[in-house]
Protein backbone atom coordinates (compact mmCIF):
# COMPACT_ATOMS: atom_id res chain seq x y z
CA MET A 1 0.05 0.17 0.30
CA ALA A 2 0.95 2.94 -0.52
CA SER A 3 3.01 5.63 1.70
CA THR A 4 2.63 8.67 2.70
CA THR A 5 5.11 8.34 5.57
CA ALA A 6 7.60 8.11 2.32
CA MET A 7 6.31 11.50 0.80
CA PHE A 8 6.91 13.30 3.77
CA THR A 9 10.56 11.83 4.22
CA GLY A 10 10.60 12.74 0.14
CA LEU A 11 9.93 16.09 1.13
CA SER A 12 12.34 16.66 3.63
CA GLY A 13 14.98 15.15 1.01
CA LEU A 14 13.82 18.51 -1.29
CA ASN A 15 14.46 21.12 1.88
CA VAL A 16 17.77 20.11 2.64
CA ASN A 17 18.88 20.14 -0.12
CA ALA A 18 17.67 23.30 -1.29
CA ARG A 19 18.53 24.70 1.54
CA ASN A 20 22.23 23.27 1.03
CA ILE A 21 22.14 24.98 -2.18
CA ASP A 22 21.54 28.21 -0.52
CA MET A 23 24.78 27.73 1.11
CA ILE A 24 26.32 26.37 -1.35
CA GLY A 25 25.76 29.61 -3.92
CA ASN A 26 26.13 31.38 -0.71
CA ASN A 27 30.17 30.90 -1.28
CA ILE A 28 30.81 30.68 -4.94
CA ALA A 29 29.02 33.80 -4.88
CA ASN A 30 30.77 35.50 -2.54
CA VAL A 31 34.46 33.35 -3.74
CA ASN A 32 35.63 37.15 -4.72
CA THR A 33 34.97 38.68 -1.37
CA PHE A 34 37.98 40.11 0.83
CA GLY A 35 38.29 38.48 4.17
CA TYR A 36 34.90 35.98 3.56
CA LYS A 37 34.74 32.50 5.54
CA SER A 38 33.04 30.38 3.42
CA GLY A 39 30.55 27.97 5.16
CA ARG A 40 28.49 24.57 5.27
CA MET A 41 25.65 22.81 6.19
CA LEU A 42 25.50 19.78 8.16
CA PHE A 43 22.33 17.10 8.42
CA SER A 44 21.01 15.16 10.76
CA SER A 45 18.49 11.93 10.38
CA MET A 46 15.72 12.85 12.10
CA PHE A 47 13.19 10.40 14.93
CA SER A 48 12.73 7.49 13.46
CA ARG A 49 9.25 4.95 14.10
CA THR A 50 10.02 1.98 16.28
CA LEU A 51 8.24 -1.44 15.48
CA SER A 52 9.94 -3.44 17.60
CA ALA A 53 12.28 -2.46 20.52
CA GLY A 54 14.04 -6.29 19.74
CA GLY A 55 14.75 -8.69 22.88
CA PRO A 56 18.04 -10.60 24.35
CA PRO A 57 19.31 -13.60 23.65
CA GLY A 58 17.74 -16.14 25.40
CA ASP A 59 17.59 -20.15 26.14
CA ILE A 60 15.79 -20.63 22.50
CA SER A 61 16.37 -18.05 20.25
CA GLY A 62 19.94 -15.69 19.48
CA GLY A 63 18.17 -11.98 20.42
CA THR A 64 16.43 -9.48 17.96
CA ASN A 65 17.86 -6.12 16.70
CA PRO A 66 15.45 -2.21 17.44
CA MET A 67 13.03 -2.63 14.37
CA GLN A 68 12.93 0.97 13.12
CA ILE A 69 11.88 3.28 9.82
CA GLY A 70 13.30 6.95 9.58
CA LEU A 71 10.85 9.20 9.03
CA GLY A 72 13.80 11.70 6.85
CA VAL A 73 16.73 13.87 7.09
CA GLN A 74 16.73 17.55 8.83
CA ILE A 75 18.83 21.09 9.07
CA ALA A 76 21.33 19.95 12.17
CA GLY A 77 22.74 23.79 11.88
CA THR A 78 25.34 25.18 9.55
CA GLN A 79 29.49 25.94 10.38
CA ARG A 80 31.66 28.98 9.57
CA ASN A 81 35.09 27.79 7.94
CA PHE A 82 37.77 30.51 9.36
CA SER A 83 41.08 29.54 7.78
CA THR A 84 42.99 31.69 7.20
CA GLY A 85 42.97 32.86 2.92
CA SER A 86 45.47 33.73 0.77
CA PHE A 87 46.74 37.41 0.36
CA THR A 88 47.22 39.57 -2.05
CA THR A 89 49.07 42.55 -2.07
CA THR A 90 48.04 46.30 -2.80
CA GLY A 91 51.11 48.29 -1.65
CA ASP A 92 48.95 50.63 -0.03
CA ALA A 93 49.29 51.21 3.40
CA ARG A 94 45.91 51.29 4.61
CA ASP A 95 45.08 48.02 3.07
CA MET A 96 45.69 45.34 6.25
CA ALA A 97 45.51 42.09 6.57
CA ILE A 98 46.22 39.12 9.12
CA GLU A 99 47.94 36.14 9.36
CA GLY A 100 45.93 34.49 12.04
CA ASN A 101 42.97 33.81 14.42
CA GLY A 102 42.79 37.34 15.42
CA PHE A 103 40.11 39.91 13.61
CA PHE A 104 40.12 43.86 13.62
CA VAL A 105 37.84 45.37 16.15
CA VAL A 106 35.50 48.64 13.68
CA ARG A 107 32.37 50.67 15.62
CA ARG A 108 28.92 51.29 14.33
CA GLY A 109 27.37 53.17 16.41
CA GLU A 110 27.73 52.83 19.95
CA GLN A 111 28.43 49.55 19.03
CA ASP A 112 31.59 47.13 18.45
CA TYR A 113 32.16 44.76 15.66
CA TYR A 114 34.89 42.07 14.27
CA THR A 115 35.91 41.69 11.09
CA ARG A 116 38.76 40.48 8.47
CA MET A 117 37.99 42.52 6.15
CA GLY A 118 41.31 44.94 6.26
CA ALA A 119 40.53 47.49 3.53
CA PHE A 120 40.27 51.20 5.46
CA ARG A 121 40.51 54.56 3.75
CA PRO A 122 40.70 57.98 5.46
CA ASN A 123 37.36 59.81 5.82
CA ALA A 124 37.18 63.59 5.89
CA ASP A 125 37.97 63.54 10.05
CA ASN A 126 41.50 61.39 9.00
CA ASP A 127 39.63 58.28 10.84
CA LEU A 128 40.36 55.41 9.01
CA VAL A 129 36.83 53.05 8.11
CA SER A 130 35.91 50.44 6.17
CA ILE A 131 34.05 50.69 2.91
CA THR A 132 30.52 50.57 4.97
CA GLY A 133 31.70 53.31 7.16
CA ASP A 134 32.54 51.77 9.85
CA ARG A 135 35.39 53.41 12.00
CA LEU A 136 38.47 51.48 12.79
CA MET A 137 39.52 50.84 16.17
CA GLY A 138 42.79 50.96 18.31
CA TRP A 139 44.81 52.68 20.74
CA GLY A 140 46.81 56.10 21.18
CA VAL A 141 49.98 57.84 22.04
CA ASP A 142 50.48 60.07 24.47
CA GLU A 143 52.06 63.07 24.12
CA ASP A 144 55.72 61.12 23.90
CA TYR A 145 54.07 59.15 21.45
CA ASN A 146 53.97 55.95 24.27
CA VAL A 147 50.84 53.59 22.86
CA VAL A 148 48.44 54.25 25.90
CA ARG A 149 46.37 50.95 25.93
CA GLY A 150 43.09 50.94 27.15
CA SER A 151 40.28 51.84 26.25
CA LEU A 152 39.71 51.79 22.01
CA SER A 153 39.14 54.79 20.21
CA PRO A 154 38.99 56.21 16.15
CA ILE A 155 42.57 55.02 14.37
CA ASN A 156 43.27 58.69 13.13
CA VAL A 157 46.17 59.15 10.99
CA PRO A 158 46.44 62.95 9.28
CA VAL A 159 48.01 62.99 6.47
CA GLY A 160 49.04 66.53 5.54
CA SER A 161 47.76 67.95 8.63
CA LEU A 162 49.85 67.13 11.91
CA THR A 163 52.69 68.50 12.67
CA ILE A 164 56.03 68.19 14.67
CA ALA A 165 59.18 69.88 15.65
CA GLU A 166 61.38 68.17 18.25
CA PRO A 167 64.18 70.25 20.64
CA THR A 168 67.43 69.15 20.35
CA ARG A 169 68.87 67.55 23.24
CA THR A 170 72.75 66.18 22.28
CA VAL A 171 74.76 67.36 19.79
CA ARG A 172 77.61 64.64 19.06
CA PHE A 173 81.16 66.14 17.99
CA ALA A 174 83.91 64.07 16.81
CA GLY A 175 87.70 65.66 15.04
CA ASN A 176 91.17 65.82 16.70
CA LEU A 177 92.41 68.47 18.28
CA ASP A 178 96.39 69.03 17.66
CA ALA A 179 97.97 68.42 20.94
CA ALA A 180 101.64 69.63 19.30
CA GLY A 181 99.86 73.40 18.29
CA PRO A 182 101.31 75.94 19.73
CA LEU A 183 99.47 77.50 23.22
CA PRO A 184 98.86 80.81 22.34
CA THR A 185 100.18 84.27 24.04
CA VAL A 186 97.81 87.26 23.50
CA GLY A 187 94.14 87.74 21.93
CA SER A 188 92.84 90.39 19.54
CA ARG A 189 93.28 94.25 20.42
CA ILE A 190 91.74 96.47 18.02
CA SER A 191 91.57 100.55 18.93
CA LEU A 192 88.39 102.48 18.37
CA MET A 193 89.74 106.04 17.31
CA GLY A 194 87.82 108.81 16.27
CA ALA A 195 90.57 108.98 13.08
CA PRO A 196 93.23 107.40 11.87
CA GLY A 197 96.35 109.12 14.48
CA ALA A 198 93.36 110.61 16.67
CA GLY A 199 91.63 109.50 19.47
CA LEU A 200 88.19 110.81 20.56
CA ARG A 201 87.50 113.69 22.94
CA THR A 202 85.01 115.62 24.42
CA ILE A 203 83.02 118.42 23.36
CA SER A 204 83.84 121.63 25.74
CA THR A 205 80.31 122.12 27.76
CA ALA A 206 80.53 118.05 28.26
CA ALA A 207 79.31 116.82 31.89
CA PRO A 208 81.09 115.12 33.85
CA ALA A 209 83.85 116.49 31.79
CA PRO A 210 87.07 114.30 31.72
CA THR A 211 90.52 114.61 34.43
CA PRO A 212 93.02 115.81 32.26
CA PRO A 213 95.03 114.16 30.58
CA ASN A 214 92.43 112.04 29.94
CA LEU A 215 90.50 112.75 26.87
CA ILE A 216 87.38 110.46 27.59
CA GLU A 217 86.59 107.83 30.57
CA ALA A 218 84.37 105.64 31.20
CA THR A 219 82.21 108.08 32.88
CA THR A 220 80.95 110.17 29.36
CA ARG A 221 78.01 110.49 27.85
CA LEU A 222 78.01 109.64 24.66
CA VAL A 223 76.73 113.18 23.96
CA ASP A 224 79.10 114.83 24.76
CA ILE A 225 82.11 112.97 22.42
CA GLU A 226 83.10 115.68 19.39
CA ASP A 227 82.71 114.57 16.05
CA PRO A 228 85.99 113.78 14.75
CA ALA A 229 85.00 114.57 11.49
CA ALA A 230 84.90 118.62 13.12
CA PRO A 231 87.17 118.93 15.48
CA GLY A 232 87.06 122.06 17.81
CA SER A 233 84.11 122.38 16.97
CA ASP A 234 81.29 121.05 19.68
CA THR A 235 79.19 119.15 17.23
CA PRO A 236 78.27 115.98 18.89
CA GLN A 237 78.98 112.72 17.45
CA PHE A 238 76.49 110.67 18.71
CA VAL A 239 72.80 112.32 19.36
CA ALA A 240 70.33 110.87 21.19
CA GLY A 241 67.56 108.35 19.87
CA GLN A 242 70.22 107.22 17.43
CA THR A 243 71.01 103.66 17.33
CA ILE A 244 74.93 102.33 16.90
CA ARG A 245 74.57 99.17 14.46
CA ILE A 246 77.74 96.73 14.30
CA SER A 247 76.84 94.07 11.72
CA GLY A 248 79.87 92.29 9.67
CA ILE A 249 82.61 92.01 12.66
CA SER A 250 84.49 88.80 12.58
CA LYS A 251 85.64 86.52 15.26
CA GLY A 252 88.05 83.11 13.51
CA GLY A 253 86.71 84.02 10.30
CA THR A 254 82.99 83.77 10.79
CA THR A 255 80.58 86.72 10.89
CA LEU A 256 79.10 87.68 14.71
CA PRO A 257 75.12 88.18 14.78
CA ASP A 258 74.19 92.25 14.11
CA ALA A 259 72.95 94.09 17.68
CA GLU A 260 72.39 97.19 18.43
CA PHE A 261 72.03 99.61 20.86
CA THR A 262 70.43 102.63 20.95
CA ILE A 263 71.59 105.76 22.31
CA ALA A 264 69.83 107.75 25.29
CA ALA A 265 70.83 110.93 27.10
CA GLY A 266 72.38 109.86 29.56
CA SER A 267 74.01 107.07 27.61
CA THR A 268 77.55 106.09 28.87
CA VAL A 269 81.02 104.71 27.62
CA GLN A 270 80.80 102.01 29.67
CA ASP A 271 76.78 101.38 28.58
CA LEU A 272 78.77 101.15 25.26
CA MET A 273 81.14 98.76 26.35
CA ASP A 274 78.86 96.54 28.14
CA PHE A 275 76.54 95.91 25.28
CA LEU A 276 79.73 96.05 22.49
CA ARG A 277 81.42 93.10 25.08
CA ASP A 278 78.49 90.82 25.11
CA ALA A 279 78.08 91.37 21.18
CA MET A 280 81.11 90.43 20.69
CA GLY A 281 80.95 87.59 23.28
CA LEU A 282 84.00 88.07 25.23
CA LEU A 283 84.83 86.52 28.85
CA THR A 284 86.98 88.59 31.00
CA THR A 285 87.89 85.40 32.85
CA PRO A 286 89.91 84.12 32.26
CA LEU A 287 92.76 86.36 32.26
CA ASN A 288 94.81 86.17 28.48
CA PRO A 289 98.48 84.13 28.92
CA ASP A 290 100.39 87.79 28.54
CA GLY A 291 98.11 89.30 31.46
CA SER A 292 95.97 90.78 29.43
CA THR A 293 92.29 91.13 30.52
CA PRO A 294 89.33 90.64 27.60
CA GLY A 295 87.10 93.08 26.64
CA LEU A 296 87.00 96.15 26.54
CA ALA A 297 88.23 99.27 28.43
CA VAL A 298 89.11 103.03 28.23
CA ASP A 299 92.70 104.25 27.20
CA GLY A 300 92.10 107.77 28.49
CA PRO A 301 94.44 109.60 26.98
CA ASN A 302 95.13 108.99 23.95
CA GLY A 303 91.09 109.05 23.45
CA ALA A 304 90.40 105.36 22.49
CA ILE A 305 87.92 102.39 23.74
CA VAL A 306 90.80 98.75 23.26
CA VAL A 307 89.00 96.20 22.74
CA THR A 308 90.55 93.30 23.76
CA GLY A 309 89.44 89.65 22.52
CA ASN A 310 89.95 86.35 23.72
CA ALA A 311 92.94 83.82 23.05
CA GLY A 312 93.64 81.55 19.61
CA SER A 313 93.18 82.21 16.89
CA ALA A 314 90.10 81.17 16.19
CA ASN A 315 88.82 83.74 18.40
CA ASP A 316 90.79 86.20 16.16
CA ILE A 317 88.98 89.89 15.55
CA SER A 318 88.55 91.88 13.42
CA ILE A 319 86.80 94.96 13.19
CA ASP A 320 86.33 97.10 9.69
CA ASN A 321 85.49 100.99 9.83
CA ALA A 322 82.19 99.72 8.43
CA ASP A 323 81.69 97.17 10.60
CA VAL A 324 80.03 100.41 13.51
CA ARG A 325 78.08 102.46 12.14
CA ILE A 326 75.26 105.13 13.80
CA PHE A 327 71.35 104.90 12.05
CA ASP A 328 69.18 107.50 12.46
CA SER A 329 65.77 107.43 14.44
CA ALA A 330 64.23 106.84 10.80
CA GLY A 331 66.52 103.42 10.76
CA GLN A 332 68.37 105.75 7.73
CA PRO A 333 73.13 105.37 8.16
CA VAL A 334 74.27 108.63 8.73
CA LYS A 335 77.98 108.00 9.16
CA GLN A 336 80.70 105.20 10.83
CA ALA A 337 81.37 105.35 14.46
CA PHE A 338 84.84 104.79 14.76
CA HIS A 339 87.96 104.59 13.28
CA ALA A 340 89.29 100.43 13.62
CA ASP A 341 93.24 100.14 14.94
CA LYS A 342 94.87 96.54 14.46
CA THR A 343 97.28 96.55 16.08
CA VAL A 344 97.84 92.48 18.01
CA SER A 345 96.15 89.30 15.88
CA ALA A 346 95.23 86.08 18.45
CA ASP A 347 97.57 83.80 18.52
CA GLY A 348 97.48 80.05 19.96
CA GLU A 349 96.20 76.76 18.61
CA SER A 350 92.71 76.65 18.56
CA VAL A 351 89.19 75.39 16.30
CA ARG A 352 86.05 76.91 15.71
CA THR A 353 82.44 74.71 14.52
CA GLY A 354 79.54 75.79 13.03
CA PHE A 355 75.89 74.54 14.30
CA ILE A 356 72.56 74.40 14.38
CA ALA A 357 70.28 73.14 16.72
CA TYR A 358 66.69 73.55 17.41
CA ASP A 359 64.11 74.80 20.05
CA SER A 360 60.77 73.09 20.79
CA LEU A 361 59.09 75.07 17.84
CA GLY A 362 61.45 73.29 15.53
CA THR A 363 63.34 76.96 15.15
CA PRO A 364 66.90 76.62 14.08
CA ILE A 365 69.29 78.50 16.24
CA ASN A 366 72.85 78.97 14.78
CA LEU A 367 75.79 78.16 17.48
CA THR A 368 79.73 77.74 16.77
CA LEU A 369 82.14 75.93 19.16
CA THR A 370 85.37 76.90 19.83
CA LEU A 371 88.17 74.67 21.07
CA VAL A 372 91.33 77.16 21.95
CA LYS A 373 94.49 74.90 23.23
CA ASP A 374 94.66 75.60 27.55
CA SER A 375 98.21 74.56 28.96
CA VAL A 376 100.04 71.42 29.37
CA SER A 377 101.17 69.04 31.51
CA ASN A 378 102.66 66.34 32.18
CA ALA A 379 98.97 64.98 32.96
CA GLY A 380 97.93 65.81 29.24
CA THR A 381 96.56 68.47 27.35
CA THR A 382 93.45 71.25 28.87
CA TRP A 383 92.01 73.01 26.33
CA ARG A 384 88.92 75.91 26.97
CA TYR A 385 85.54 75.92 25.37
CA PHE A 386 83.16 78.54 24.35
CA VAL A 387 79.97 77.93 22.72
CA GLU A 388 77.85 80.92 20.73
CA THR A 389 75.33 81.72 19.46
CA GLY A 390 73.12 84.83 17.79
CA ASP A 391 69.86 83.22 19.13
CA ASP A 392 69.98 83.49 22.85
CA SER A 393 67.45 85.91 24.19
CA GLY A 394 69.66 87.50 25.68
CA LEU A 395 72.33 90.45 24.23
CA ALA A 396 75.61 88.19 25.40
CA ILE A 397 76.23 85.95 22.61
CA ASN A 398 78.15 83.53 25.10
CA VAL A 399 76.28 80.58 26.77
CA GLY A 400 79.09 78.25 27.66
CA THR A 401 82.86 77.92 28.77
CA GLY A 402 84.66 75.87 30.39
CA THR A 403 87.66 73.35 29.91
CA ILE A 404 88.08 69.66 28.98
CA SER A 405 90.95 67.38 29.52
CA PHE A 406 92.99 64.93 27.13
CA ASP A 407 95.43 62.51 28.35
CA THR A 408 98.49 61.45 27.35
CA GLN A 409 97.19 59.51 25.30
CA GLY A 410 95.16 61.99 24.11
CA ARG A 411 91.79 60.54 25.50
CA LEU A 412 89.20 62.54 26.89
CA LEU A 413 89.46 62.66 30.73
CA GLY A 414 85.98 63.08 32.96
CA ASN A 415 83.31 63.98 31.65
CA ASN A 416 83.03 64.03 28.01
CA THR A 417 79.47 66.16 28.10
CA ILE A 418 78.87 69.62 27.74
CA SER A 419 76.04 71.40 29.17
CA VAL A 420 74.38 74.23 27.00
CA THR A 421 71.49 76.35 28.38
CA VAL A 422 70.62 78.70 25.61
CA ASP A 423 67.14 81.32 26.64
CA ARG A 424 64.44 81.88 23.97
CA THR A 425 62.29 83.90 26.43
CA GLY A 426 59.58 85.74 23.63
CA THR A 427 59.88 83.74 21.20
CA GLY A 428 56.83 81.19 22.55
CA ALA A 429 59.60 77.45 22.72
CA ASP A 430 60.09 76.48 25.77
CA THR A 431 62.83 78.32 27.47
CA PRO A 432 65.38 77.71 28.89
CA LEU A 433 66.50 75.05 25.12
CA GLY A 434 69.27 72.70 27.37
CA PHE A 435 70.83 70.36 25.47
CA ASP A 436 74.15 68.19 25.97
CA LEU A 437 77.31 68.86 23.47
CA THR A 438 78.88 65.01 23.52
CA PHE A 439 82.40 63.84 22.74
CA SER A 440 82.90 61.16 23.38
CA TYR A 441 80.10 58.02 21.95
CA GLU A 442 80.39 55.55 20.17
CA GLN A 443 82.13 56.24 17.12
CA ASP A 444 81.84 59.67 17.16
CA THR A 445 84.90 60.18 19.77
CA VAL A 446 87.08 64.22 19.89
CA THR A 447 91.29 62.89 20.38
CA SER A 448 94.27 65.37 21.33
CA LEU A 449 96.59 64.07 19.42
CA ASP A 450 99.60 65.43 17.35
CA GLY A 451 98.03 66.93 14.05
CA THR A 452 98.76 68.63 11.10
CA ARG A 453 96.09 71.21 12.34
CA SER A 454 93.02 70.73 14.85
CA GLN A 455 90.22 69.52 13.11
CA LEU A 456 86.31 69.25 14.91
CA ALA A 457 82.55 69.05 12.83
CA ALA A 458 79.53 67.76 14.41
CA THR A 459 78.47 65.06 13.61
CA ARG A 460 75.29 63.73 14.40
CA TRP A 461 71.72 65.69 16.67
CA ASP A 462 68.77 65.35 17.59
CA GLY A 463 65.58 67.67 17.76
CA ALA A 464 64.18 69.16 14.29
CA ARG A 465 62.24 71.99 12.95
CA LEU A 466 58.80 71.83 11.74
CA GLY A 467 57.68 69.12 9.23
CA THR A 468 54.13 67.64 8.60
CA LEU A 469 53.13 63.86 8.26
CA GLU A 470 54.07 62.76 4.88
CA GLY A 471 53.20 59.29 5.02
CA PHE A 472 52.76 56.39 7.35
CA GLY A 473 53.24 52.24 8.01
CA ILE A 474 51.99 49.56 9.99
CA GLY A 475 54.62 46.75 11.46
CA ASN A 476 53.12 43.23 11.78
CA ASP A 477 53.11 43.61 15.62
CA GLY A 478 50.02 46.57 14.37
CA ILE A 479 52.20 49.77 15.14
CA ILE A 480 51.28 52.29 13.33
CA THR A 481 54.61 54.64 12.29
CA GLY A 482 54.44 58.05 10.91
CA ALA A 483 56.36 59.67 8.82
CA PHE A 484 57.14 63.66 8.73
CA SER A 485 59.49 65.68 5.97
CA ASN A 486 61.64 67.03 8.38
CA GLY A 487 63.21 63.76 8.44
CA LEU A 488 61.40 62.53 11.78
CA THR A 489 59.36 58.88 12.52
CA ARG A 490 56.92 58.77 15.28
CA VAL A 491 54.93 56.13 16.56
CA LEU A 492 50.81 57.12 15.53
CA GLY A 493 49.09 54.51 17.34
CA GLN A 494 48.37 50.80 17.34
CA VAL A 495 45.55 48.31 15.37
CA PRO A 496 45.10 45.83 18.00
CA LEU A 497 43.25 42.18 17.32
CA ALA A 498 40.29 40.80 19.10
CA THR A 499 40.39 37.29 19.83
CA PHE A 500 37.40 34.78 20.51
CA SER A 501 37.66 31.23 22.21
CA SER A 502 34.91 30.06 19.78
CA PRO A 503 34.94 32.33 16.70
CA GLU A 504 32.71 30.18 14.91
CA GLY A 505 30.22 31.71 17.04
CA LEU A 506 30.20 34.84 16.11
CA LEU A 507 26.97 36.07 14.34
CA ASP A 508 27.05 37.41 10.55
CA VAL A 509 25.56 40.33 10.66
CA GLY A 510 26.53 41.09 6.85
CA GLY A 511 28.92 43.64 5.47
CA ASN A 512 31.47 41.36 6.46
CA VAL A 513 31.76 41.99 10.50
CA TYR A 514 30.36 39.10 13.09
CA SER A 515 29.13 40.45 16.23
CA VAL A 516 29.38 39.20 19.72
CA SER A 517 27.37 35.55 20.06
CA GLY A 518 25.55 33.45 23.27
CA ASN A 519 28.34 31.25 22.05
CA SER A 520 31.31 32.77 21.08
CA GLY A 521 32.74 34.25 24.25
CA SER A 522 33.37 37.33 24.82
CA ALA A 523 36.40 39.47 22.78
CA VAL A 524 39.68 39.32 24.06
CA VAL A 525 41.35 42.11 22.51
CA THR A 526 45.05 42.68 22.37
CA SER A 527 48.48 43.68 20.18
CA PRO A 528 49.29 41.67 17.34
CA LEU A 529 51.79 38.64 18.34
CA GLU A 530 50.09 38.14 21.24
CA LEU A 531 47.69 35.33 22.42
CA SER A 532 47.29 33.51 19.14
CA ALA A 533 45.81 36.56 17.99
CA GLY A 534 48.29 36.87 14.93
CA LYS A 535 50.25 39.70 13.00
CA VAL A 536 48.95 42.69 10.87
CA VAL A 537 50.74 42.08 6.90
CA SER A 538 50.48 45.74 5.82
CA GLY A 539 49.57 46.36 2.39
CA ALA A 540 47.65 43.37 1.59
CA LEU A 541 44.18 42.36 1.95
CA GLU A 542 43.12 38.61 2.55
CA LEU A 543 41.21 36.67 0.16
CA SER A 544 37.99 34.74 0.26
CA ASN A 545 39.07 31.26 1.52
CA VAL A 546 36.00 29.37 -0.25
CA ASP A 547 37.20 26.44 -2.69
CA LEU A 548 35.28 26.63 -5.39
CA GLY A 549 36.57 22.90 -6.59
CA GLN A 550 34.69 21.88 -3.46
CA GLU A 551 31.65 23.27 -3.44
CA PHE A 552 31.37 21.97 -7.05
CA ILE A 553 30.90 18.51 -5.98
CA GLY A 554 29.14 19.84 -2.27
CA LEU A 555 26.79 21.48 -5.57
CA ILE A 556 26.45 18.69 -7.56
CA LEU A 557 25.84 16.14 -4.89
CA ALA A 558 23.27 18.62 -3.32
CA GLN A 559 21.75 18.07 -6.93
CA THR A 560 21.93 14.55 -7.06
CA GLY A 561 20.18 14.36 -4.07
CA TYR A 562 17.11 17.01 -5.18
CA SER A 563 16.87 14.72 -7.58
CA ALA A 564 16.89 11.74 -5.73
CA ALA A 565 14.19 12.64 -3.19
CA SER A 566 12.62 14.17 -5.72
CA ARG A 567 11.59 10.71 -6.60
CA VAL A 568 10.89 9.23 -4.11
CA VAL A 569 7.76 11.90 -4.08
CA SER A 570 6.75 11.29 -7.85
CA THR A 571 7.08 6.80 -6.84
CA THR A 572 4.84 7.87 -3.88
CA ASN A 573 2.61 9.62 -5.89
CA ASP A 574 2.18 6.43 -8.68
CA LEU A 575 2.00 4.18 -6.02
CA PHE A 576 -1.03 5.98 -4.61
CA GLN A 577 -2.19 6.10 -8.48
CA GLN A 578 -2.85 2.61 -9.20
CA LEU A 579 -4.63 2.17 -5.90
CA LEU A 580 -6.73 4.65 -6.60
CA ALA A 581 -6.73 2.61 -10.15
CA LEU A 582 -7.60 -0.72 -8.08
CA GLY A 583 -10.99 1.37 -7.24
CA ARG A 584 -12.22 2.05 -10.66
């Protein structure tokens, strides 16, 4: 007799095989979807109709097995294959793939989701987002560019807009100071006078008047000095409101920074000498080997202002007549202030070199370092250093002096570092700027050996001027490193990965993203390369892990199963037709 049970059993076969074709079709449709994970459908038999429970062996029977007839097939469930797909190289640092078990964390609204598809691009706010607008989440950095692991925030990489500058902390030097060079004996000596062979003198109404035989004194007001071009006329050389500007004075062949002194009614010769001393970086101690005191002094009887430089040929000062000029209150040149007469040149083994440092705003600061042979003993040689800059907020250009010593092998003794401080008041930068000059560090070393001449150069320094973020790269550990136009590289953040105790339990919500379900376990967010999260591969995307060959075989089997189940239905229908025919 025909059975309706057989018909419904065949129907169950039609249903499950049709759903299996749906699953296979979805896999095949996503064969080119980046980061897609294929799924499979598993079947299970439905409960069976038991006709006999069977019986155990006995004295007259060997026992019988249960007699059961199945009632068809049902879908047991689906499983997702999270094996890593192959990678395709894109060369774009914004594309990322994961080699391992982790997931990128993305945020949609206030909800976090998880994905393996790493094609991220910046939005208008420079946040990295997926093609559907989900923000990539990660860890930011503190003010020192150290990654701060804590709450997740959108990864922001502002290429073209982020700027950075870094102050100098260390400058390294290398070279050799000629230990056999001559010791200095004198410093430069230049007389600032009124005219060739004629000194400066005061007008008849000078107050206070110099004490004879002095023509001028330190207390003489500048406005009481007579114009050398008009002797006996009581015409003053200087007028209140005018400016004395120095420009072009050189020291050791290096031009000193320009400087200005504004003349007031009470400005004295001493005030001018203090200005010139600071502007030329003259240090009054120690005394020169000939006993002279570096600085400026008045030669009253001859009416001259005498400039005495520090010893060492690299400290030799040269002043031309045009280097010290008078300008009116409108900034127009009036005339030369003095006639400069150089009588002595500085001597002694020395070397002078320039270098650059940067303040916290990235502003370059030009400095010079001079080393002068100071003394020789059985313990070795000693050299005096002078550090100068015209970029100090104060007038004085000398920002450091002292001595360093070398042993009989030419090696540096004691501390190999000089600390320098530059005042940056009024510049907007952090002040003071402090950094170290280092004379011995790895291969960068200063020695004092017998040589043809002293040589010194700055070899390495940190700090940088203002730079703009030009690009970035992402390492296997997820660290985002930015490259700036000034040559600096800085950590901008880190891309973490999420892992799950059961990734197959994640819920696919479409758009290549998953959400946590009851059987996936909670997300464990960690750094790449930790807790089997895998590593990040920048410049690549993960392809779909669909195996087309396997899918086509499954499609054939599903089609065969569907056809076979349909035959069961049609066969049962034929039996019903034959049964109905018996009643005709």
